[in-house]
C-alpha atoms as a PDB file:
ATOM      1  CA  MET A   1       0.000   0.000   0.000  1.00  0.00           C
ATOM      2  CA  LEU A   2       1.084   3.535  -0.792  1.00  0.00           C
ATOM      3  CA  LEU A   3      -0.614   6.832   0.009  1.00  0.00           C
ATOM      4  CA  GLU A   4      -2.592   8.570  -2.762  1.00  0.00           C
ATOM      5  CA  ARG A   5      -4.517  11.359  -1.065  1.00  0.00           C
ATOM      6  CA  VAL A   6      -5.280  12.847   2.332  1.00  0.00           C
ATOM      7  CA  ARG A   7      -8.054  15.199   3.431  1.00  0.00           C
ATOM      8  CA  VAL A   8      -8.050  16.849   6.863  1.00  0.00           C
ATOM      9  CA  VAL A   9     -10.955  18.838   8.332  1.00  0.00           C
ATOM     10  CA  GLY A  10     -11.051  20.705  11.632  1.00  0.00           C
ATOM     11  CA  LEU A  11      -7.660  19.640  13.001  1.00  0.00           C
ATOM     12  CA  GLY A  12      -4.883  21.981  14.085  1.00  0.00           C
ATOM     13  CA  PRO A  13      -4.772  25.085  11.865  1.00  0.00           C
ATOM     14  CA  PHE A  14      -6.851  23.483   9.099  1.00  0.00           C
ATOM     15  CA  GLU A  15     -10.468  24.297   8.370  1.00  0.00           C
ATOM     16  CA  ALA A  16     -10.186  21.902   5.418  1.00  0.00           C
ATOM     17  CA  ILE A  17      -7.259  20.870   3.273  1.00  0.00           C
ATOM     18  CA  GLU A  18      -6.675  18.126   0.708  1.00  0.00           C
ATOM     19  CA  LEU A  19      -3.362  16.919  -0.705  1.00  0.00           C
ATOM     20  CA  ASP A  20      -2.888  14.720  -3.768  1.00  0.00           C
ATOM     21  CA  LEU A  21       0.299  12.665  -3.432  1.00  0.00           C
ATOM     22  CA  CYS A  22       0.184  11.160  -6.941  1.00  0.00           C
ATOM     23  CA  GLU A  23       2.324  12.199  -9.877  1.00  0.00           C
ATOM     24  CA  ARG A  24      -0.495  10.872 -12.067  1.00  0.00           C
ATOM     25  CA  PRO A  25      -3.755   9.066 -11.172  1.00  0.00           C
ATOM     26  CA  GLY A  26      -3.062   5.846  -9.324  1.00  0.00           C
ATOM     27  CA  GLU A  27       0.713   6.411  -9.199  1.00  0.00           C
ATOM     28  CA  PRO A  28       1.799   7.724  -5.775  1.00  0.00           C
ATOM     29  CA  ARG A  29       4.905   9.916  -5.809  1.00  0.00           C
ATOM     30  CA  ALA A  30       8.042   8.356  -4.384  1.00  0.00           C
ATOM     31  CA  LEU A  31       8.855  11.553  -2.465  1.00  0.00           C
ATOM     32  CA  THR A  32       6.782  14.442  -1.146  1.00  0.00           C
ATOM     33  CA  VAL A  33       8.323  17.289   0.852  1.00  0.00           C
ATOM     34  CA  LEU A  34       5.954  19.380   2.994  1.00  0.00           C
ATOM     35  CA  ALA A  35       7.578  22.774   3.542  1.00  0.00           C
ATOM     36  CA  GLY A  36       6.338  25.650   5.652  1.00  0.00           C
ATOM     37  CA  ASP A  37       6.976  27.884   8.627  1.00  0.00           C
ATOM     38  CA  GLY A  38       6.110  26.884  12.171  1.00  0.00           C
ATOM     39  CA  GLY A  39       2.379  26.728  12.815  1.00  0.00           C
ATOM     40  CA  THR A  40       1.364  25.932   9.246  1.00  0.00           C
ATOM     41  CA  GLY A  41       0.281  22.397  10.094  1.00  0.00           C
ATOM     42  CA  LYS A  42       3.075  20.153   8.811  1.00  0.00           C
ATOM     43  CA  SER A  43       3.140  18.032  11.968  1.00  0.00           C
ATOM     44  CA  THR A  44      -0.666  17.962  12.112  1.00  0.00           C
ATOM     45  CA  LEU A  45      -0.872  16.561   8.576  1.00  0.00           C
ATOM     46  CA  LEU A  46       1.624  13.794   9.278  1.00  0.00           C
ATOM     47  CA  ALA A  47      -0.060  12.952  12.574  1.00  0.00           C
ATOM     48  CA  ALA A  48      -3.419  12.775  10.782  1.00  0.00           C
ATOM     49  CA  VAL A  49      -2.044  10.291   8.237  1.00  0.00           C
ATOM     50  CA  SER A  50      -0.449   8.238  11.014  1.00  0.00           C
ATOM     51  CA  ALA A  51      -3.796   8.002  12.818  1.00  0.00           C
ATOM     52  CA  THR A  52      -5.731   7.077   9.659  1.00  0.00           C
ATOM     53  CA  ARG A  53      -3.869   4.131   8.203  1.00  0.00           C
ATOM     54  CA  PRO A  54      -4.707   0.441   7.748  1.00  0.00           C
ATOM     55  CA  GLY A  55      -4.518  -1.340  11.083  1.00  0.00           C
ATOM     56  CA  ASN A  56      -4.584   1.847  13.132  1.00  0.00           C
ATOM     57  CA  HIS A  57      -7.423   4.287  12.436  1.00  0.00           C
ATOM     58  CA  VAL A  58      -8.209   6.175  15.609  1.00  0.00           C
ATOM     59  CA  VAL A  59      -9.711   9.452  16.789  1.00  0.00           C
ATOM     60  CA  GLN A  60      -6.919  11.949  17.379  1.00  0.00           C
ATOM     61  CA  THR A  61      -6.861  13.435  20.854  1.00  0.00           C
ATOM     62  CA  SER A  62      -3.348  14.936  20.952  1.00  0.00           C
ATOM     63  CA  VAL A  63      -4.011  17.503  18.161  1.00  0.00           C
ATOM     64  CA  TYR A  64      -5.980  20.732  18.592  1.00  0.00           C
ATOM     65  CA  ARG A  65      -9.549  20.266  17.356  1.00  0.00           C
ATOM     66  CA  ARG A  66     -11.242  23.347  15.939  1.00  0.00           C
ATOM     67  CA  PRO A  67     -14.477  24.273  17.767  1.00  0.00           C
ATOM     68  CA  GLY A  68     -17.656  24.130  15.731  1.00  0.00           C
ATOM     69  CA  THR A  69     -16.411  21.406  13.395  1.00  0.00           C
ATOM     70  CA  LYS A  70     -16.366  17.638  13.350  1.00  0.00           C
ATOM     71  CA  PRO A  71     -12.634  16.871  13.107  1.00  0.00           C
ATOM     72  CA  GLN A  72     -11.881  14.132  10.615  1.00  0.00           C
ATOM     73  CA  THR A  73      -9.255  12.708   8.307  1.00  0.00           C
ATOM     74  CA  VAL A  74      -9.749  10.599   5.191  1.00  0.00           C
ATOM     75  CA  CYS A  75      -6.799   8.839   3.553  1.00  0.00           C
ATOM     76  CA  HIS A  76      -6.767   6.956   0.251  1.00  0.00           C
ATOM     77  CA  TRP A  77      -4.274   4.056   0.278  1.00  0.00           C
ATOM     78  CA  ARG A  78      -3.389   2.439  -3.038  1.00  0.00           C
ATOM     79  CA  LEU A  79      -4.050  -1.319  -3.123  1.00  0.00           C
ATOM     80  CA  ALA A  80      -1.867  -3.061  -5.690  1.00  0.00           C
ATOM     81  CA  ALA A  81      -0.090  -6.222  -4.573  1.00  0.00           C
ATOM     82  CA  GLU A  82      -2.662  -6.513  -1.778  1.00  0.00           C
ATOM     83  CA  ASP A  83      -5.500  -6.883  -4.326  1.00  0.00           C
ATOM     84  CA  PRO A  84      -3.872  -7.536  -7.737  1.00  0.00           C
ATOM     85  CA  GLU A  85      -7.124  -8.515  -9.465  1.00  0.00           C
ATOM     86  CA  ARG A  86      -8.611  -5.049  -9.008  1.00  0.00           C
ATOM     87  CA  PRO A  87      -6.113  -2.395  -7.882  1.00  0.00           C
ATOM     88  CA  HIS A  88      -7.919   0.536  -6.292  1.00  0.00           C
ATOM     89  CA  ALA A  89      -7.838   2.871  -3.313  1.00  0.00           C
ATOM     90  CA  LEU A  90      -8.679   1.664   0.187  1.00  0.00           C
ATOM     91  CA  VAL A  91     -10.384   4.620   1.873  1.00  0.00           C
ATOM     92  CA  VAL A  92      -9.592   4.808   5.597  1.00  0.00           C
ATOM     93  CA  ALA A  93     -11.335   7.461   7.686  1.00  0.00           C
ATOM     94  CA  THR A  94     -11.457   8.673  11.256  1.00  0.00           C
ATOM     95  CA  PRO A  95     -13.863   6.408  13.213  1.00  0.00           C
ATOM     96  CA  GLY A  96     -17.395   7.761  12.968  1.00  0.00           C
ATOM     97  CA  THR A  97     -16.714   9.592   9.705  1.00  0.00           C
ATOM     98  CA  SER A  98     -18.738   8.780   6.595  1.00  0.00           C
ATOM     99  CA  ALA A  99     -16.521   8.793   3.496  1.00  0.00           C
ATOM    100  CA  GLY A 100     -18.830   6.920   1.113  1.00  0.00           C
ATOM    101  CA  ALA A 101     -21.069   8.539  -1.498  1.00  0.00           C
ATOM    102  CA  ASP A 102     -24.177   7.081   0.169  1.00  0.00           C
ATOM    103  CA  ASP A 103     -25.120   4.669   2.956  1.00  0.00           C
ATOM    104  CA  LYS A 104     -24.552   1.580   0.800  1.00  0.00           C
ATOM    105  CA  ALA A 105     -21.146   2.772  -0.401  1.00  0.00           C
ATOM    106  CA  GLU A 106     -20.158   3.667   3.148  1.00  0.00           C
ATOM    107  CA  GLN A 107     -21.142   0.213   4.402  1.00  0.00           C
ATOM    108  CA  LEU A 108     -19.039  -1.418   1.680  1.00  0.00           C
ATOM    109  CA  ARG A 109     -16.102   0.892   2.489  1.00  0.00           C
ATOM    110  CA  ARG A 110     -16.152  -0.024   6.168  1.00  0.00           C
ATOM    111  CA  ARG A 111     -16.362  -3.739   5.395  1.00  0.00           C
ATOM    112  CA  GLU A 112     -13.381  -3.481   3.094  1.00  0.00           C
ATOM    113  CA  VAL A 113     -11.359  -1.637   5.733  1.00  0.00           C
ATOM    114  CA  VAL A 114     -12.167  -4.370   8.285  1.00  0.00           C
ATOM    115  CA  HIS A 115     -11.177  -7.046   5.741  1.00  0.00           C
ATOM    116  CA  PHE A 116      -7.769  -5.503   5.049  1.00  0.00           C
ATOM    117  CA  ASP A 117      -7.183  -4.834   8.751  1.00  0.00           C
ATOM    118  CA  ARG A 118      -7.560  -8.597   9.265  1.00  0.00           C
ATOM    119  CA  GLU A 119      -5.317  -9.348   6.273  1.00  0.00           C
ATOM    120  CA  LEU A 120      -2.671  -7.069   7.729  1.00  0.00           C
ATOM    121  CA  ALA A 121      -2.845  -8.758  11.129  1.00  0.00           C
ATOM    122  CA  ALA A 122      -2.704 -12.251   9.613  1.00  0.00           C
ATOM    123  CA  LYS A 123      -0.292 -11.861   6.716  1.00  0.00           C
ATOM    124  CA  GLY A 124       1.522  -8.560   7.146  1.00  0.00           C
ATOM    125  CA  GLY A 125       2.636  -6.798   4.002  1.00  0.00           C
ATOM    126  CA  PHE A 126       1.845  -3.166   4.860  1.00  0.00           C
ATOM    127  CA  ALA A 127       4.873  -1.308   6.216  1.00  0.00           C
ATOM    128  CA  PHE A 128       4.377   2.064   7.869  1.00  0.00           C
ATOM    129  CA  VAL A 129       6.934   4.114   9.790  1.00  0.00           C
ATOM    130  CA  GLY A 130       6.187   7.409  11.523  1.00  0.00           C
ATOM    131  CA  ILE A 131       9.139   9.345  12.946  1.00  0.00           C
ATOM    132  CA  PRO A 132       7.924  12.462  14.812  1.00  0.00           C
ATOM    133  CA  GLY A 133       9.786  15.728  15.153  1.00  0.00           C
ATOM    134  CA  THR A 134       9.747  15.266  18.931  1.00  0.00           C
ATOM    135  CA  ARG A 135      12.187  12.321  18.712  1.00  0.00           C
ATOM    136  CA  ARG A 136      14.779  12.078  21.473  1.00  0.00           C
ATOM    137  CA  PHE A 137      17.925  10.037  22.025  1.00  0.00           C
ATOM    138  CA  PRO A 138      18.629   9.755  25.771  1.00  0.00           C
ATOM    139  CA  ARG A 139      21.347   7.401  26.928  1.00  0.00           C
ATOM    140  CA  ALA A 140      19.945   3.905  27.403  1.00  0.00           C
ATOM    141  CA  ASN A 141      21.333   0.436  27.966  1.00  0.00           C
ATOM    142  CA  LEU A 142      20.915  -2.217  25.318  1.00  0.00           C
ATOM    143  CA  VAL A 143      18.269  -4.737  26.409  1.00  0.00           C
ATOM    144  CA  ILE A 144      17.907  -7.934  24.368  1.00  0.00           C
ATOM    145  CA  GLY A 145      14.733  -9.869  25.067  1.00  0.00           C
ATOM    146  CA  ASP A 146      12.713 -12.617  23.435  1.00  0.00           C
ATOM    147  CA  PRO A 147      12.765 -11.695  19.703  1.00  0.00           C
ATOM    148  CA  ALA A 148       9.271 -13.153  19.161  1.00  0.00           C
ATOM    149  CA  ARG A 149       7.908 -10.571  21.614  1.00  0.00           C
ATOM    150  CA  THR A 150      10.069  -7.644  20.516  1.00  0.00           C
ATOM    151  CA  ILE A 151      12.029  -7.302  17.309  1.00  0.00           C
ATOM    152  CA  LEU A 152      10.064  -9.850  15.223  1.00  0.00           C
ATOM    153  CA  ARG A 153       6.646  -8.496  16.139  1.00  0.00           C
ATOM    154  CA  GLN A 154       4.900  -6.105  13.781  1.00  0.00           C
ATOM    155  CA  ASP A 155       3.094  -3.764  16.136  1.00  0.00           C
ATOM    156  CA  THR A 156       1.117  -1.370  13.934  1.00  0.00           C
ATOM    157  CA  ARG A 157      -0.383   0.412  16.916  1.00  0.00           C
ATOM    158  CA  GLY A 158       2.666   0.783  19.125  1.00  0.00           C
ATOM    159  CA  ALA A 159       5.387   1.373  16.523  1.00  0.00           C
ATOM    160  CA  PRO A 160       7.302   4.676  16.818  1.00  0.00           C
ATOM    161  CA  GLY A 161       4.942   7.378  15.572  1.00  0.00           C
ATOM    162  CA  PHE A 162       3.026  10.531  16.336  1.00  0.00           C
ATOM    163  CA  GLN A 163       0.751   9.237  19.088  1.00  0.00           C
ATOM    164  CA  ASP A 164       2.754  10.793  21.942  1.00  0.00           C
ATOM    165  CA  ALA A 165       2.971  14.552  21.539  1.00  0.00           C
ATOM    166  CA  SER A 166       5.480  14.754  24.413  1.00  0.00           C
ATOM    167  CA  GLY A 167       8.096  12.914  22.360  1.00  0.00           C
ATOM    168  CA  VAL A 168       9.426   9.468  21.562  1.00  0.00           C
ATOM    169  CA  ASP A 169      12.686   8.032  22.945  1.00  0.00           C
ATOM    170  CA  LEU A 170      14.365   6.094  20.131  1.00  0.00           C
ATOM    171  CA  THR A 171      17.745   5.053  21.544  1.00  0.00           C
ATOM    172  CA  ARG A 172      16.733   1.651  22.903  1.00  0.00           C
ATOM    173  CA  ALA A 173      14.734   0.724  19.775  1.00  0.00           C
ATOM    174  CA  VAL A 174      17.617   1.646  17.460  1.00  0.00           C
ATOM    175  CA  LYS A 175      20.183  -0.300  19.503  1.00  0.00           C
ATOM    176  CA  LEU A 176      17.972  -3.381  19.649  1.00  0.00           C
ATOM    177  CA  ILE A 177      17.423  -3.392  15.879  1.00  0.00           C
ATOM    178  CA  LEU A 178      21.135  -3.054  15.121  1.00  0.00           C
ATOM    179  CA  ALA A 179      22.118  -5.708  17.675  1.00  0.00           C
ATOM    180  CA  TYR A 180      19.509  -8.195  16.475  1.00  0.00           C
ATOM    181  CA  ALA A 181      20.463  -7.721  12.826  1.00  0.00           C
ATOM    182  CA  LYS A 182      24.129  -8.526  13.466  1.00  0.00           C
ATOM    183  CA  LEU A 183      23.620 -11.340  15.983  1.00  0.00           C
ATOM    184  CA  SER A 184      20.884 -13.150  14.058  1.00  0.00           C
ATOM    185  CA  SER A 185      22.778 -12.872  10.769  1.00  0.00           C
ATOM    186  CA  ALA A 186      25.851 -14.414  12.398  1.00  0.00           C
ATOM    187  CA  LEU A 187      23.813 -17.239  13.946  1.00  0.00           C
ATOM    188  CA  ALA A 188      21.972 -17.940  10.691  1.00  0.00           C
ATOM    189  CA  GLY A 189      25.232 -18.535   8.849  1.00  0.00           C
ATOM    190  CA  ASP A 190      24.414 -20.223   5.548  1.00  0.00           C
ATOM    191  CA  ARG A 191      20.876 -21.106   6.665  1.00  0.00           C
ATOM    192  CA  ARG A 192      17.710 -19.075   6.284  1.00  0.00           C
ATOM    193  CA  GLY A 193      15.793 -17.992   9.351  1.00  0.00           C
ATOM    194  CA  GLU A 194      12.793 -19.860  10.674  1.00  0.00           C
ATOM    195  CA  ALA A 195       9.375 -19.519   9.002  1.00  0.00           C
ATOM    196  CA  GLY A 196      10.954 -18.058   5.898  1.00  0.00           C
ATOM    197  CA  ALA A 197      12.239 -14.912   7.624  1.00  0.00           C
ATOM    198  CA  ASP A 198      15.859 -14.339   6.663  1.00  0.00           C
ATOM    199  CA  PRO A 199      17.698 -12.139   9.194  1.00  0.00           C
ATOM    200  CA  ARG A 200      20.594 -11.796   6.763  1.00  0.00           C
ATOM    201  CA  SER A 201      18.442  -9.653   4.486  1.00  0.00           C
ATOM    202  CA  LEU A 202      17.810  -7.250   7.380  1.00  0.00           C
ATOM    203  CA  GLY A 203      21.509  -7.079   8.218  1.00  0.00           C
ATOM    204  CA  ALA A 204      22.565  -6.554   4.608  1.00  0.00           C
ATOM    205  CA  ALA A 205      19.985  -3.807   4.050  1.00  0.00           C
ATOM    206  CA  ILE A 206      20.999  -2.000   7.253  1.00  0.00           C
ATOM    207  CA  ASP A 207      24.689  -2.172   6.354  1.00  0.00           C
ATOM    208  CA  ALA A 208      24.018  -0.798   2.875  1.00  0.00           C
ATOM    209  CA  GLY A 209      21.737   1.912   4.257  1.00  0.00           C
ATOM    210  CA  MET A 210      24.302   3.006   6.842  1.00  0.00           C
ATOM    211  CA  GLY A 211      26.987   3.252   4.176  1.00  0.00           C
ATOM    212  CA  GLU A 212      24.738   5.431   2.016  1.00  0.00           C
ATOM    213  CA  LEU A 213      23.289   7.758   4.640  1.00  0.00           C
ATOM    214  CA  LEU A 214      26.418   8.214   6.795  1.00  0.00           C
ATOM    215  CA  ALA A 215      28.708   9.023   3.867  1.00  0.00           C
ATOM    216  CA  PRO A 216      28.048  12.810   3.959  1.00  0.00           C
ATOM    217  CA  VAL A 217      29.105  12.991   7.627  1.00  0.00           C
ATOM    218  CA  GLY A 218      32.165  10.777   7.131  1.00  0.00           C
ATOM    219  CA  HIS A 219      31.135   8.029   9.571  1.00  0.00           C
ATOM    220  CA  LEU A 220      31.194   4.255   9.097  1.00  0.00           C
ATOM    221  CA  TYR A 221      29.090   1.621  10.820  1.00  0.00           C
ATOM    222  CA  ARG A 222      31.437  -0.965  12.351  1.00  0.00           C
ATOM    223  CA  GLY A 223      28.943  -3.461  13.788  1.00  0.00           C
ATOM    224  CA  LEU A 224      28.826  -4.484  17.438  1.00  0.00           C
ATOM    225  CA  ASP A 225      31.338  -4.184  20.233  1.00  0.00           C
ATOM    226  CA  PRO A 226      32.170  -7.852  21.026  1.00  0.00           C
ATOM    227  CA  ARG A 227      32.160  -7.180  24.781  1.00  0.00           C
ATOM    228  CA  THR A 228      28.931  -5.204  25.146  1.00  0.00           C
ATOM    229  CA  PHE A 229      27.027  -5.840  21.865  1.00  0.00           C
ATOM    230  CA  GLU A 230      26.589  -2.058  21.658  1.00  0.00           C
ATOM    231  CA  PRO A 231      26.637  -0.749  18.048  1.00  0.00           C
ATOM    232  CA  ARG A 232      29.780   1.223  17.263  1.00  0.00           C
ATOM    233  CA  PHE A 233      30.793   3.703  14.592  1.00  0.00           C
ATOM    234  CA  GLU A 234      34.058   4.990  13.161  1.00  0.00           C
ATOM    235  CA  THR A 235      34.465   8.769  12.978  1.00  0.00           C
ATOM    236  CA  PRO A 236      36.364  10.593  10.204  1.00  0.00           C
ATOM    237  CA  THR A 237      39.429  10.619  12.500  1.00  0.00           C
ATOM    238  CA  GLY A 238      39.345   6.833  12.972  1.00  0.00           C
ATOM    239  CA  GLU A 239      37.941   6.844  16.516  1.00  0.00           C
ATOM    240  CA  LEU A 240      35.419   4.122  17.424  1.00  0.00           C
ATOM    241  CA  LEU A 241      32.373   5.458  19.274  1.00  0.00           C
ATOM    242  CA  PRO A 242      29.216   3.835  20.679  1.00  0.00           C
ATOM    243  CA  PHE A 243      25.828   5.118  19.558  1.00  0.00           C
ATOM    244  CA  ASP A 244      25.369   7.225  22.710  1.00  0.00           C
ATOM    245  CA  ALA A 245      28.573   9.173  22.013  1.00  0.00           C
ATOM    246  CA  LEU A 246      27.720  10.131  18.428  1.00  0.00           C
ATOM    247  CA  ALA A 247      26.917  13.680  17.390  1.00  0.00           C
ATOM    248  CA  MET A 248      23.184  14.332  17.239  1.00  0.00           C
ATOM    249  CA  GLN A 249      23.003  14.558  13.463  1.00  0.00           C
ATOM    250  CA  VAL A 250      24.673  11.153  13.150  1.00  0.00           C
ATOM    251  CA  ARG A 251      22.200   9.597  15.583  1.00  0.00           C
ATOM    252  CA  GLN A 252      19.350  11.062  13.537  1.00  0.00           C
ATOM    253  CA  LEU A 253      20.648   9.427  10.351  1.00  0.00           C
ATOM    254  CA  VAL A 254      21.274   6.067  12.056  1.00  0.00           C
ATOM    255  CA  ALA A 255      17.723   6.059  13.459  1.00  0.00           C
ATOM    256  CA  ILE A 256      16.152   6.741  10.062  1.00  0.00           C
ATOM    257  CA  VAL A 257      17.994   3.779   8.523  1.00  0.00           C
ATOM    258  CA  ALA A 258      17.379   1.365  11.401  1.00  0.00           C
ATOM    259  CA  LEU A 259      13.692   2.103  12.050  1.00  0.00           C
ATOM    260  CA  SER A 260      12.630   2.262   8.394  1.00  0.00           C
ATOM    261  CA  THR A 261      14.541  -0.834   7.282  1.00  0.00           C
ATOM    262  CA  HIS A 262      13.372  -2.907  10.241  1.00  0.00           C
ATOM    263  CA  GLN A 263       9.673  -2.074   9.798  1.00  0.00           C
ATOM    264  CA  LEU A 264       9.789  -3.067   6.119  1.00  0.00           C
ATOM    265  CA  TRP A 265      11.562  -6.322   6.966  1.00  0.00           C
ATOM    266  CA  VAL A 266       9.076  -7.273   9.696  1.00  0.00           C
ATOM    267  CA  ALA A 267       5.994  -6.304   7.689  1.00  0.00           C
ATOM    268  CA  HIS A 268       7.117  -8.312   4.664  1.00  0.00           C
ATOM    269  CA  ARG A 269       8.060 -11.402   6.686  1.00  0.00           C
ATOM    270  CA  GLY A 270      11.810 -11.327   6.158  1.00  0.00           C
ATOM    271  CA  ALA A 271      11.990 -10.211   2.517  1.00  0.00           C
ATOM    272  CA  ASP A 272      14.798  -7.886   1.467  1.00  0.00           C
ATOM    273  CA  PRO A 273      13.618  -4.406   2.588  1.00  0.00           C
ATOM    274  CA  ARG A 274      15.245  -2.859  -0.477  1.00  0.00           C
ATOM    275  CA  GLU A 275      12.681  -4.676  -2.638  1.00  0.00           C
ATOM    276  CA  CYS A 276       9.605  -3.911  -0.505  1.00  0.00           C
ATOM    277  CA  GLU A 277       6.966  -1.186  -0.621  1.00  0.00           C
ATOM    278  CA  GLY A 278       6.250   0.938   2.410  1.00  0.00           C
ATOM    279  CA  VAL A 279       5.357   4.421   3.613  1.00  0.00           C
ATOM    280  CA  VAL A 280       7.721   6.445   5.804  1.00  0.00           C
ATOM    281  CA  LEU A 281       6.708   9.779   7.355  1.00  0.00           C
ATOM    282  CA  ILE A 282       9.412  11.942   8.940  1.00  0.00           C
ATOM    283  CA  ASP A 283       8.533  15.197  10.662  1.00  0.00           C
ATOM    284  CA  ASP A 284      11.246  17.891  10.717  1.00  0.00           C
ATOM    285  CA  VAL A 285      13.542  15.686   8.659  1.00  0.00           C
ATOM    286  CA  ASP A 286      16.223  18.418   8.738  1.00  0.00           C
ATOM    287  CA  LEU A 287      16.424  18.320  12.554  1.00  0.00           C
ATOM    288  CA  HIS A 288      20.066  18.827  13.687  1.00  0.00           C
ATOM    289  CA  LEU A 289      21.385  18.256  10.135  1.00  0.00           C
ATOM    290  CA  SER A 290      24.061  20.480   8.626  1.00  0.00           C
ATOM    291  CA  THR A 291      23.461  22.304   5.347  1.00  0.00           C
ATOM    292  CA  GLY A 292      25.679  19.902   3.426  1.00  0.00           C
ATOM    293  CA  THR A 293      23.898  16.867   4.835  1.00  0.00           C
ATOM    294  CA  GLN A 294      20.489  18.346   4.015  1.00  0.00           C
ATOM    295  CA  LEU A 295      21.477  18.827   0.373  1.00  0.00           C
ATOM    296  CA  GLU A 296      22.330  15.138   0.001  1.00  0.00           C
ATOM    297  CA  LEU A 297      19.743  13.593   2.310  1.00  0.00           C
ATOM    298  CA  LEU A 298      16.680  12.993   0.137  1.00  0.00           C
ATOM    299  CA  PRO A 299      18.391  11.417  -2.905  1.00  0.00           C
ATOM    300  CA  ARG A 300      20.253   9.131  -0.512  1.00  0.00           C
ATOM    301  CA  LEU A 301      17.040   8.122   1.283  1.00  0.00           C
ATOM    302  CA  ARG A 302      15.567   7.043  -2.043  1.00  0.00           C
ATOM    303  CA  ARG A 303      18.625   4.922  -2.777  1.00  0.00           C
ATOM    304  CA  VAL A 304      18.534   3.300   0.674  1.00  0.00           C
ATOM    305  CA  LEU A 305      14.954   2.004   0.226  1.00  0.00           C
ATOM    306  CA  PRO A 306      14.049   2.573  -3.432  1.00  0.00           C
ATOM    307  CA  ARG A 307      10.458   1.279  -3.275  1.00  0.00           C
ATOM    308  CA  VAL A 308       9.447   3.312  -0.228  1.00  0.00           C
ATOM    309  CA  GLN A 309       7.156   6.325  -0.451  1.00  0.00           C
ATOM    310  CA  TRP A 310       8.787   9.094   1.595  1.00  0.00           C
ATOM    311  CA  VAL A 311       6.672  11.951   2.982  1.00  0.00           C
ATOM    312  CA  VAL A 312       8.795  14.388   4.973  1.00  0.00           C
ATOM    313  CA  SER A 313       8.295  17.837   6.451  1.00  0.00           C
ATOM    314  CA  THR A 314      10.761  20.685   6.835  1.00  0.00           C
ATOM    315  CA  ASN A 315      11.031  24.403   7.484  1.00  0.00           C
ATOM    316  CA  SER A 316      14.478  24.487   5.856  1.00  0.00           C
ATOM    317  CA  PRO A 317      14.626  26.288   2.475  1.00  0.00           C
ATOM    318  CA  VAL A 318      17.883  24.434   1.784  1.00  0.00           C
ATOM    319  CA  LEU A 319      16.223  21.030   1.995  1.00  0.00           C
ATOM    320  CA  ALA A 320      13.056  22.214   0.221  1.00  0.00           C
ATOM    321  CA  HIS A 321      15.102  23.454  -2.745  1.00  0.00           C
ATOM    322  CA  SER A 322      17.026  20.168  -2.983  1.00  0.00           C
ATOM    323  CA  VAL A 323      14.043  18.449  -4.681  1.00  0.00           C
ATOM    324  CA  SER A 324      12.220  18.980  -7.952  1.00  0.00           C
ATOM    325  CA  VAL A 325       9.221  21.318  -8.099  1.00  0.00           C
ATOM    326  CA  GLY A 326       6.882  18.374  -8.592  1.00  0.00           C
ATOM    327  CA  GLU A 327       7.933  16.867  -5.249  1.00  0.00           C
ATOM    328  CA  LEU A 328       7.393  20.009  -3.152  1.00  0.00           C
ATOM    329  CA  VAL A 329       4.199  21.116  -1.376  1.00  0.00           C
ATOM    330  CA  THR A 330       4.394  24.394   0.552  1.00  0.00           C
ATOM    331  CA  LEU A 331       1.922  25.299   3.310  1.00  0.00           C
ATOM    332  CA  ARG A 332       1.294  29.019   3.768  1.00  0.00           C
ATOM    333  CA  ARG A 333      -1.089  31.079   5.870  1.00  0.00           C
ATOM    334  CA  ASP A 334      -3.245  33.449   3.821  1.00  0.00           C
ATOM    335  CA  ALA A 335      -2.679  37.011   5.031  1.00  0.00           C
ATOM    336  CA  GLU A 336      -6.329  38.030   4.727  1.00  0.00           C
ATOM    337  CA  SER A 337      -8.258  34.939   5.821  1.00  0.00           C
ATOM    338  CA  ALA A 338      -5.560  33.299   8.018  1.00  0.00           C
ATOM    339  CA  ARG A 339      -6.452  29.982   6.347  1.00  0.00           C
ATOM    340  CA  ILE A 340      -3.678  27.519   5.611  1.00  0.00           C
ATOM    341  CA  GLN A 341      -3.402  26.690   1.923  1.00  0.00           C
ATOM    342  CA  ALA A 342      -1.230  24.215   0.040  1.00  0.00           C
ATOM    343  CA  TYR A 343       0.769  25.379  -2.971  1.00  0.00           C
ATOM    344  CA  GLU A 344       2.264  23.089  -5.592  1.00  0.00           C
ATOM    345  CA  GLY A 345       4.256  23.530  -8.803  1.00  0.00           C
ATOM    346  CA  GLU A 346       5.983  26.881  -9.299  1.00  0.00           C
ATOM    347  CA  LEU A 347       3.872  28.398  -6.504  1.00  0.00           C
ATOM    348  CA  SER A 348       5.467  26.006  -3.993  1.00  0.00           C
ATOM    349  CA  LEU A 349       8.916  27.577  -4.293  1.00  0.00           C
ATOM    350  CA  THR A 350      10.151  29.237  -1.120  1.00  0.00           C
ATOM    351  CA  HIS A 351      12.282  32.412  -1.030  1.00  0.00           C
END
C-alpha cells in the first residue's frame, strides 16, 4: 500500500485541506516534501495520516480540534499487490466519519477496511513508519529480550509514531534493531531464518543503508562491540564510538535507517527491505542536520529504500530546494483569511 490522497478537516490550523500525493492518477509519488513555517500544520498533517492508516485508524486526541467542526481525516491508500485482481484505493477514515457517497457505499467501504485490517494482522505486508519531530535520544542500555515478543513483532499500533505529543525516545529501539540484525545474521550462517524470515536480508539492508546515509558525515558503521554488543561507529578521524557518544546529526541518520529498514523487513516477513513497498513519514527531517547533509539527504534516502514512499516535512529552504518542483508542497497562511493553503508547482517555491 502507498498513500494517494489525504483530506483533513477541523484539526490543528486546518479548516479543510486536501493533498494529492500522486504524480499521475493511481501512481503515488516516491517523495513528497511538505515545507512551511512553524504553525502551518506540517506536523498535524503527518499525525493525521499516522492516525488514519490500515490497522490503526483512531480518533486523534493529541491535536488541537477546531471548535464548531467535526474533526476528521480521510486517507486513500493504493491497493496493488494486496489486491492484484482489481487495484484501487482503500479509503480509511477517522472512526465515525462517513466517506462513502451514500449509505450503501459507506457500508461497503467499512467492510473493506475491516477485511484488510484482518489481512494485515494475519499476513503482514503493509509497512508504515512514523518518525515524529519530537524524537529524542537519551542514553539507554541495550536490552535484548525474546525476539518473538520484541524485534520480530509487527506492532502497527505501538510502533514509533506521532501518538505521543510529548516525544518518543528512540535510543533503545535503534540499539535493539542493530544488535539483532548482526547477531541473528551471524547465527543464521548459511541457513535461512525460521518460518521463511531471513535475518541476513535485514543485516545486509541496514549495512548498505548506513553506508549510504552516513557518507556525507564521514562516519562508518562498524557493527557491534564484542564485549557489550553495543553498536559502534568509526568517525572521520578513525575513533570508534558507541551510539550514545555520536553527534546528534549522526544519531538522527542512524535512526532513520534502522527504524525504516526494520519495519519493512518485519511487515514483509523477512523479505529484502530494499525490494519492498512501504510508507515512511518523517517530521522535521532536517532536525540537527548540517546544510551539506540536508542537500544530500533525500536522494540518498531514495537509494537506501528505493520502493518506499517518503513523505517528509521541513522548514528548511535548503532542503526544500534540494528536490524537484513536482515533489514540493508548501503550506502558507493566507494574510487576509488566516487559512492555511497548500501550494504546488511553481507556486510552492520558497524564497
